Amino acid sequence: MKLDLTLGRSLTINTGNYSSIKPEVSITLNGIELDNLEESSYHLTQLISVLMDVQISESKIKMGEIKEQGLSTFIENFMESDIAKKMESPINELKKMDLSI
C-alpha cells in the first residue's frame, strides 16, 4: 500500500518592537510504501528543520530590508521591478529537476 505524506511547520517569532516574522514550510512525499512510512517521516522532518532555518533567515533579512527602506518604498520598489523575470530562473531550475510546477 502506498501513501502520500505531508508534513509542515510554522512559527511566529517576535522580533521585538511589536514586529514578528511567520515562517512556514510544508513538503509532500508521494507514493511512500507503508513499510517505509516511519523512516520517510523521520527524514522529511529533518529536511523541514533545515528549510525552516532557511525561511527564518530569509524572513529576518527581508524584515531588515523593509525596516531600512520603509514599507511604502519597499512595496513601491517591488511593484516597479520585473516580478516575472525574478521568478523565471528558480522555476526553470526546478523544471530541470523534473518537478511539476
Protein backbone atom coordinates (compact mmCIF):
# COMPACT_ATOMS: atom_id res chain seq x y z
CA MET A 1 0.00 0.00 0.00
CA LYS A 2 1.33 3.42 -0.94
CA LEU A 3 0.60 6.69 0.85
CA ASP A 4 1.28 10.38 0.39
CA LEU A 5 2.86 12.08 3.40
CA THR A 6 2.65 15.82 4.03
CA LEU A 7 4.48 17.43 6.93
CA GLY A 8 4.64 21.10 7.77
CA ARG A 9 5.87 23.53 10.35
CA SER A 10 5.04 27.15 11.05
CA LEU A 11 6.24 29.57 13.70
CA THR A 12 5.54 33.08 14.86
CA ILE A 13 8.71 34.74 16.13
CA ASN A 14 8.54 38.03 18.00
CA THR A 15 11.44 40.13 16.71
CA GLY A 16 10.84 42.93 19.21
CA ASN A 17 9.27 46.36 18.99
CA TYR A 18 5.82 44.91 18.13
CA SER A 19 7.01 43.10 14.99
CA SER A 20 7.23 39.43 14.14
CA ILE A 21 8.07 37.01 11.36
CA LYS A 22 5.97 33.96 10.50
CA PRO A 23 8.00 31.42 8.51
CA GLU A 24 6.23 28.31 7.23
CA VAL A 25 7.40 25.17 5.42
CA SER A 26 5.35 22.27 4.03
CA ILE A 27 6.54 19.28 1.99
CA THR A 28 4.69 16.33 0.48
CA LEU A 29 6.25 12.99 -0.44
CA ASN A 30 4.15 10.92 -2.83
CA GLY A 31 3.91 7.16 -3.16
CA ILE A 32 5.58 6.07 0.08
CA GLU A 33 5.33 2.38 0.87
CA LEU A 34 3.61 1.79 4.23
CA ASP A 35 6.68 -0.12 5.45
CA ASN A 36 8.83 2.99 4.85
CA LEU A 37 6.46 5.50 6.46
CA GLU A 38 8.33 5.88 9.76
CA GLU A 39 11.75 6.30 8.13
CA SER A 40 10.36 8.65 5.47
CA SER A 41 8.68 10.75 8.15
CA TYR A 42 11.95 10.99 10.10
CA HIS A 43 13.97 12.16 7.08
CA LEU A 44 11.24 14.56 5.97
CA THR A 45 11.20 16.08 9.47
CA GLN A 46 14.98 16.61 9.25
CA LEU A 47 14.58 18.31 5.86
CA ILE A 48 11.80 20.54 7.18
CA SER A 49 14.05 21.64 10.06
CA VAL A 50 16.77 22.77 7.65
CA LEU A 51 14.27 24.52 5.36
CA MET A 52 12.67 26.24 8.36
CA ASP A 53 16.09 27.65 9.33
CA VAL A 54 16.44 28.98 5.77
CA GLN A 55 12.97 30.56 5.93
CA ILE A 56 13.69 32.17 9.32
CA SER A 57 16.93 33.65 7.95
CA GLU A 58 15.28 34.88 4.74
CA SER A 59 12.36 36.36 6.67
CA LYS A 60 14.69 38.23 9.03
CA ILE A 61 16.71 39.59 6.07
CA LYS A 62 13.52 40.72 4.32
CA MET A 63 12.29 42.34 7.56
CA GLY A 64 15.57 44.29 7.73
CA GLU A 65 15.14 45.49 4.13
CA ILE A 66 11.60 46.67 4.89
CA LYS A 67 12.71 48.50 8.04
CA GLU A 68 15.63 50.11 6.18
CA GLN A 69 13.57 51.30 3.19
CA GLY A 70 10.24 51.81 4.89
CA LEU A 71 7.23 49.70 3.93
CA SER A 72 5.86 52.10 1.32
CA THR A 73 9.19 52.39 -0.50
CA PHE A 74 9.76 48.64 -0.30
CA ILE A 75 6.35 47.94 -1.87
CA GLU A 76 6.86 50.63 -4.50
CA ASN A 77 10.27 49.20 -5.48
CA PHE A 78 8.85 45.69 -5.62
CA MET A 79 5.91 46.67 -7.79
CA GLU A 80 8.23 48.52 -10.19
CA SER A 81 10.56 45.51 -10.52
CA ASP A 82 10.15 42.80 -13.13
CA ILE A 83 8.43 40.16 -10.97
CA ALA A 84 8.12 37.62 -13.79
CA LYS A 85 11.86 37.90 -14.51
CA LYS A 86 12.67 37.22 -10.83
CA MET A 87 10.50 34.08 -10.90
CA GLU A 88 11.84 32.74 -14.21
CA SER A 89 15.22 31.43 -13.03
CA PRO A 90 14.02 29.44 -9.99
CA ILE A 91 11.14 27.96 -11.99
CA ASN A 92 13.50 26.89 -14.79
CA GLU A 93 15.87 25.30 -12.27
CA LEU A 94 13.01 23.34 -10.69
CA LYS A 95 11.89 22.17 -14.13
CA LYS A 96 15.40 20.83 -14.78
CA MET A 97 14.86 18.58 -11.74
CA ASP A 98 11.82 17.09 -13.47
CA LEU A 99 9.43 18.54 -10.88
CA SER A 100 5.87 19.53 -11.64
CA ILE A 101 5.34 23.27 -11.38
